[in-house]
Amino acid sequence: MARKRRTAIQLNSPQRKVMEYGMLLLGSLVLATSFNLFLNPNQIASGGVSGLSTILHNLFGFSPAIVQWACNIPLFLLGLKLLDRQYSMKAAVGSVVLPLCVMLTSHLQPLTTNPLLASIYGGIGVGLGIGIVFRGRGSTGGFAIASQILHKFTGISLGACVAVFDGLVILFAGIVFDPEKALYALIALFVTSKTIDIVQMGWNTSKVAYIISNETDTLRETILYDLDRGVTLLDGSGGYTGDARKVLMAVVSQSEVSKLKIMVRSVDPDAFIILCPANEVLGEGFRVG
């Protein structure tokens, strides 16, 4: 219990809160800058309230920031009423700050008029901004709240709800602009999702190794002292024989995979090795926090 309490205090410390709000502001600024440099001037509406603001800006000349405020603030209030306390003060701040950043960077001139380049680099920038916000445990509001409401009252999975709103915006863009712009919006949306994953989990992909061998003790010492990696012993049993046996589990970096395989084969040529990707590993010997 003491350990859990220390963690809770750390997560809610004043220093942590300042850092998280700082990441919310930085992420919103990066997102808004990418929106104004790449997506909006090239009529790429890659989902969300920002995509809707691009469509309405080109149809009626409405300021994207005003459209985003007009959508974000009512959606936040609705989410606050229907979703109880799921949306914190940071969601409220994000709903206001992102459109403000869009307004402050609206004077920036587009860096390209090539829609393919705009969709790729705009997707990267938006994904980077959202990823930074997420790492600060924040939210930019918008259709994320609408997706939560739809999920709650229909039972549709949250991912499907998000896809519904993004899909409707992109479909609307295809009708208002042309189908080709909708295809570019899909590219931007895909790039955004992949960039968010990279920001959240990092570039380095470690591997989880499961090793089944009759030389468990020798392999355990080899991994511990020669490879200098921790090992966990899991209890298992043969599916055919029913015999009890130990399974070694170790997490290694990408550069250590070949060395691990050589070590295991040198000890037991008949060992069974399963390697699985581990996109994010936190702890001693790996990334902290």
Protein backbone atom coordinates (compact mmCIF):
# COMPACT_ATOMS: atom_id res chain seq x y z
CA MET A 1 0.00 0.00 0.00
CA ALA A 2 2.84 2.38 0.83
CA ARG A 3 4.36 1.86 -2.58
CA LYS A 4 1.09 2.65 -4.33
CA ARG A 5 0.64 5.80 -2.26
CA ARG A 6 4.12 7.05 -3.14
CA THR A 7 3.31 6.56 -6.83
CA ALA A 8 0.03 8.46 -6.50
CA ILE A 9 1.74 11.36 -4.76
CA GLN A 10 4.38 11.49 -7.46
CA LEU A 11 1.80 11.51 -10.26
CA ASN A 12 -0.09 14.38 -8.62
CA SER A 13 2.89 16.43 -7.43
CA PRO A 14 3.00 20.13 -8.36
CA GLN A 15 6.09 19.55 -10.50
CA ARG A 16 4.33 16.80 -12.44
CA LYS A 17 1.24 18.97 -12.99
CA VAL A 18 3.34 21.87 -14.28
CA MET A 19 5.13 19.53 -16.68
CA GLU A 20 1.84 18.03 -17.91
CA TYR A 21 0.26 21.43 -18.55
CA GLY A 22 3.46 22.49 -20.29
CA MET A 23 3.21 19.43 -22.57
CA LEU A 24 -0.44 20.25 -23.24
CA LEU A 25 0.51 23.77 -24.33
CA LEU A 26 3.50 22.60 -26.40
CA GLY A 27 1.53 19.83 -28.07
CA SER A 28 -1.32 22.21 -28.93
CA LEU A 29 1.14 24.68 -30.44
CA VAL A 30 2.81 21.99 -32.57
CA LEU A 31 -0.58 20.70 -33.71
CA ALA A 32 -1.86 24.17 -34.57
CA THR A 33 1.32 25.09 -36.44
CA SER A 34 1.11 21.92 -38.57
CA PHE A 35 -2.56 22.60 -39.23
CA ASN A 36 -1.82 26.08 -40.57
CA LEU A 37 1.39 25.21 -42.44
CA PHE A 38 0.17 22.09 -44.21
CA LEU A 39 -3.40 20.86 -43.77
CA ASN A 40 -5.73 23.85 -43.84
CA PRO A 41 -4.21 25.72 -46.82
CA ASN A 42 -4.23 22.50 -48.87
CA GLN A 43 -7.84 21.60 -48.00
CA ILE A 44 -6.84 18.38 -46.23
CA ALA A 45 -9.53 17.60 -43.65
CA SER A 46 -8.10 14.54 -41.91
CA GLY A 47 -10.91 14.03 -39.41
CA GLY A 48 -11.73 15.62 -36.08
CA VAL A 49 -12.94 19.11 -35.30
CA SER A 50 -9.87 20.56 -37.04
CA GLY A 51 -10.88 18.80 -40.25
CA LEU A 52 -14.42 20.10 -39.94
CA SER A 53 -13.05 23.62 -39.42
CA THR A 54 -11.05 23.28 -42.65
CA ILE A 55 -14.21 22.38 -44.57
CA LEU A 56 -16.29 25.22 -43.09
CA HIS A 57 -13.44 27.68 -43.63
CA ASN A 58 -13.34 26.88 -47.33
CA LEU A 59 -17.15 26.77 -47.69
CA PHE A 60 -18.14 29.91 -45.78
CA GLY A 61 -14.88 31.63 -44.83
CA PHE A 62 -15.34 30.94 -41.11
CA SER A 63 -12.20 31.25 -39.01
CA PRO A 64 -10.96 27.71 -38.14
CA ALA A 65 -10.26 28.79 -34.56
CA ILE A 66 -13.83 30.09 -34.11
CA VAL A 67 -15.27 26.87 -35.54
CA GLN A 68 -13.11 24.81 -33.20
CA TRP A 69 -14.16 26.83 -30.16
CA ALA A 70 -17.80 26.57 -31.25
CA CYS A 71 -17.47 22.77 -31.35
CA ASN A 72 -15.03 22.08 -28.52
CA ILE A 73 -16.61 24.05 -25.70
CA PRO A 74 -20.19 22.69 -26.09
CA LEU A 75 -18.83 19.15 -26.54
CA PHE A 76 -16.77 19.49 -23.37
CA LEU A 77 -19.77 20.74 -21.38
CA LEU A 78 -21.90 17.92 -22.79
CA GLY A 79 -19.21 15.40 -21.90
CA LEU A 80 -18.93 16.85 -18.42
CA LYS A 81 -22.67 16.31 -17.92
CA LEU A 82 -23.02 12.89 -19.55
CA LEU A 83 -19.67 11.35 -18.71
CA ASP A 84 -19.44 12.51 -15.09
CA ARG A 85 -15.79 13.13 -14.10
CA GLN A 86 -14.03 11.44 -16.99
CA TYR A 87 -12.88 14.78 -18.33
CA SER A 88 -10.56 16.77 -16.12
CA MET A 89 -9.52 20.39 -16.10
CA LYS A 90 -6.86 19.55 -18.69
CA ALA A 91 -9.55 18.57 -21.18
CA ALA A 92 -11.21 21.95 -20.59
CA VAL A 93 -7.88 23.74 -21.04
CA GLY A 94 -7.14 21.76 -24.20
CA SER A 95 -10.54 22.60 -25.68
CA VAL A 96 -9.73 26.32 -25.30
CA VAL A 97 -5.97 26.38 -25.87
CA LEU A 98 -5.82 24.48 -29.17
CA PRO A 99 -8.12 26.89 -31.05
CA LEU A 100 -6.20 29.78 -29.47
CA CYS A 101 -2.94 28.35 -30.86
CA VAL A 102 -4.63 27.92 -34.25
CA MET A 103 -5.59 31.59 -34.17
CA LEU A 104 -2.11 32.73 -33.09
CA THR A 105 -0.41 30.77 -35.89
CA SER A 106 -2.96 31.58 -38.62
CA HIS A 107 -0.62 34.15 -40.17
CA LEU A 108 1.94 31.48 -41.11
CA GLN A 109 2.38 30.89 -44.82
CA PRO A 110 2.04 27.32 -46.13
CA LEU A 111 5.33 25.54 -46.70
CA THR A 112 4.05 23.56 -49.69
CA THR A 113 1.16 23.47 -52.13
CA ASN A 114 1.79 19.82 -52.95
CA PRO A 115 -1.11 17.92 -51.33
CA LEU A 116 0.87 14.71 -50.91
CA LEU A 117 3.71 16.47 -49.08
CA ALA A 118 1.17 18.44 -47.06
CA SER A 119 -0.69 15.28 -46.01
CA ILE A 120 2.53 13.52 -44.97
CA TYR A 121 4.19 16.38 -43.11
CA GLY A 122 0.90 17.68 -41.75
CA GLY A 123 0.11 14.19 -40.47
CA ILE A 124 3.53 13.99 -38.82
CA GLY A 125 3.12 17.38 -37.15
CA VAL A 126 -0.42 16.70 -35.93
CA GLY A 127 0.60 13.27 -34.65
CA LEU A 128 3.59 14.79 -32.87
CA GLY A 129 1.38 17.41 -31.22
CA ILE A 130 -1.28 14.93 -30.13
CA GLY A 131 1.38 12.52 -28.91
CA ILE A 132 2.93 15.23 -26.72
CA VAL A 133 -0.50 16.08 -25.31
CA PHE A 134 -1.18 12.41 -24.57
CA ARG A 135 2.17 12.01 -22.84
CA GLY A 136 1.12 14.85 -20.59
CA ARG A 137 -2.10 12.93 -19.82
CA GLY A 138 -4.06 15.68 -21.55
CA SER A 139 -6.76 16.00 -24.20
CA THR A 140 -7.59 18.49 -26.93
CA GLY A 141 -11.29 17.72 -26.62
CA GLY A 142 -13.34 17.82 -29.81
CA PHE A 143 -14.73 14.64 -31.33
CA ALA A 144 -12.83 12.55 -28.78
CA ILE A 145 -15.56 13.58 -26.33
CA ALA A 146 -18.30 12.90 -28.88
CA SER A 147 -16.79 9.45 -29.43
CA GLN A 148 -16.91 8.74 -25.69
CA ILE A 149 -20.57 9.77 -25.55
CA LEU A 150 -21.47 7.59 -28.54
CA HIS A 151 -19.55 4.69 -27.01
CA LYS A 152 -21.36 5.04 -23.70
CA PHE A 153 -24.90 5.11 -25.10
CA THR A 154 -24.55 2.67 -28.01
CA GLY A 155 -22.02 0.13 -26.77
CA ILE A 156 -19.99 0.50 -29.98
CA SER A 157 -16.25 0.16 -29.35
CA LEU A 158 -14.42 3.43 -28.72
CA GLY A 159 -12.11 2.86 -31.69
CA ALA A 160 -15.10 2.37 -33.98
CA CYS A 161 -16.72 5.55 -32.62
CA VAL A 162 -13.60 7.58 -33.36
CA ALA A 163 -13.49 6.06 -36.86
CA VAL A 164 -17.15 7.01 -37.40
CA PHE A 165 -16.56 10.71 -36.69
CA ASP A 166 -13.28 10.89 -38.60
CA GLY A 167 -14.87 8.99 -41.49
CA LEU A 168 -17.83 11.37 -41.65
CA VAL A 169 -15.51 14.38 -41.76
CA ILE A 170 -13.39 12.85 -44.52
CA LEU A 171 -16.51 11.85 -46.47
CA PHE A 172 -17.82 15.41 -46.12
CA ALA A 173 -14.48 16.71 -47.38
CA GLY A 174 -14.69 14.40 -50.39
CA ILE A 175 -18.10 15.86 -51.24
CA VAL A 176 -17.21 19.52 -50.62
CA PHE A 177 -13.76 19.45 -52.26
CA ASP A 178 -13.18 16.37 -54.39
CA PRO A 179 -12.57 12.62 -53.81
CA GLU A 180 -8.84 13.08 -54.29
CA LYS A 181 -8.65 15.43 -51.31
CA ALA A 182 -10.43 12.79 -49.23
CA LEU A 183 -7.75 10.27 -50.23
CA TYR A 184 -5.03 12.70 -49.14
CA ALA A 185 -6.90 13.16 -45.85
CA LEU A 186 -6.78 9.38 -45.31
CA ILE A 187 -3.00 9.47 -45.83
CA ALA A 188 -2.68 12.28 -43.28
CA LEU A 189 -4.86 10.38 -40.79
CA PHE A 190 -2.75 7.24 -41.18
CA VAL A 191 0.52 9.15 -40.75
CA THR A 192 -0.91 10.91 -37.69
CA SER A 193 -1.84 7.62 -35.99
CA LYS A 194 1.61 6.14 -36.60
CA THR A 195 3.36 9.28 -35.35
CA ILE A 196 1.29 9.22 -32.15
CA ASP A 197 2.44 5.62 -31.58
CA ILE A 198 6.09 6.62 -32.05
CA VAL A 199 5.79 9.57 -29.65
CA GLN A 200 3.99 7.41 -27.08
CA MET A 201 6.20 4.34 -27.28
CA GLY A 202 9.46 5.55 -28.82
CA TRP A 203 11.54 4.44 -31.79
CA ASN A 204 13.35 1.59 -30.11
CA THR A 205 11.55 -1.72 -30.28
CA SER A 206 12.76 -4.19 -27.70
CA LYS A 207 11.99 -7.89 -27.80
CA VAL A 208 10.46 -10.22 -25.25
CA ALA A 209 12.10 -13.64 -25.49
CA TYR A 210 10.39 -16.78 -24.22
CA ILE A 211 12.79 -19.72 -24.06
CA ILE A 212 11.77 -23.33 -23.49
CA SER A 213 14.73 -25.58 -22.82
CA ASN A 214 15.95 -28.56 -20.83
CA GLU A 215 18.96 -26.44 -19.78
CA THR A 216 17.00 -23.83 -17.85
CA ASP A 217 19.53 -23.28 -15.05
CA THR A 218 22.49 -22.86 -17.40
CA LEU A 219 20.57 -20.51 -19.69
CA ARG A 220 19.37 -18.46 -16.74
CA GLU A 221 22.95 -17.84 -15.58
CA THR A 222 24.09 -17.14 -19.15
CA ILE A 223 21.46 -14.46 -19.67
CA LEU A 224 21.94 -12.98 -16.20
CA TYR A 225 25.73 -12.75 -16.19
CA ASP A 226 26.90 -12.91 -19.81
CA LEU A 227 24.14 -10.87 -21.42
CA ASP A 228 23.54 -8.84 -18.24
CA ARG A 229 19.77 -8.95 -18.55
CA GLY A 230 17.14 -9.91 -16.00
CA VAL A 231 15.29 -13.19 -16.33
CA THR A 232 11.88 -14.28 -15.09
CA LEU A 233 11.02 -17.96 -14.59
CA LEU A 234 7.49 -18.88 -15.60
CA ASP A 235 5.76 -22.13 -14.72
CA GLY A 236 4.59 -24.11 -17.72
CA SER A 237 3.69 -27.61 -18.80
CA GLY A 238 3.99 -29.50 -22.04
CA GLY A 239 0.76 -29.53 -24.02
CA TYR A 240 1.37 -33.09 -25.23
CA THR A 241 3.24 -34.72 -22.34
CA GLY A 242 1.79 -32.67 -19.50
CA ASP A 243 5.26 -32.55 -17.92
CA ALA A 244 6.01 -29.49 -15.77
CA ARG A 245 8.79 -27.25 -17.03
CA LYS A 246 10.18 -23.77 -16.60
CA VAL A 247 9.94 -21.08 -19.26
CA LEU A 248 12.53 -18.30 -19.30
CA MET A 249 11.34 -14.80 -20.10
CA ALA A 250 13.81 -12.01 -20.83
CA VAL A 251 13.53 -8.57 -22.41
CA VAL A 252 16.40 -7.54 -24.65
CA SER A 253 17.14 -4.61 -26.91
CA GLN A 254 17.02 -5.00 -30.69
CA SER A 255 20.82 -5.04 -30.87
CA GLU A 256 21.02 -7.90 -28.36
CA VAL A 257 18.69 -10.29 -30.18
CA SER A 258 21.40 -11.95 -32.27
CA LYS A 259 23.67 -12.32 -29.26
CA LEU A 260 20.85 -13.90 -27.25
CA LYS A 261 20.08 -16.42 -29.99
CA ILE A 262 23.75 -17.39 -30.29
CA MET A 263 24.04 -17.82 -26.53
CA VAL A 264 20.92 -19.96 -26.32
CA ARG A 265 21.97 -22.16 -29.25
CA SER A 266 25.44 -22.64 -27.78
CA VAL A 267 23.92 -23.95 -24.54
CA ASP A 268 21.00 -25.90 -26.01
CA PRO A 269 20.72 -26.35 -29.79
CA ASP A 270 17.23 -27.80 -29.32
CA ALA A 271 15.87 -24.86 -27.32
CA PHE A 272 12.59 -23.34 -28.46
CA ILE A 273 12.75 -19.53 -28.72
CA ILE A 274 9.80 -17.17 -29.20
CA LEU A 275 10.55 -13.49 -29.87
CA CYS A 276 7.76 -10.92 -29.55
CA PRO A 277 7.94 -7.14 -30.06
CA ALA A 278 7.80 -4.92 -26.97
CA ASN A 279 7.26 -1.35 -28.11
CA GLU A 280 7.81 0.21 -24.71
CA VAL A 281 9.83 -1.15 -21.80
CA LEU A 282 10.20 0.80 -18.58
CA GLY A 283 12.61 -0.20 -15.83
CA GLU A 284 16.23 -0.80 -14.99
CA GLY A 285 18.36 -1.19 -18.10
CA PHE A 286 15.68 0.39 -20.29
CA ARG A 287 13.87 3.72 -20.49
CA VAL A 288 12.72 5.23 -17.21
CA GLY A 289 9.37 7.05 -17.12
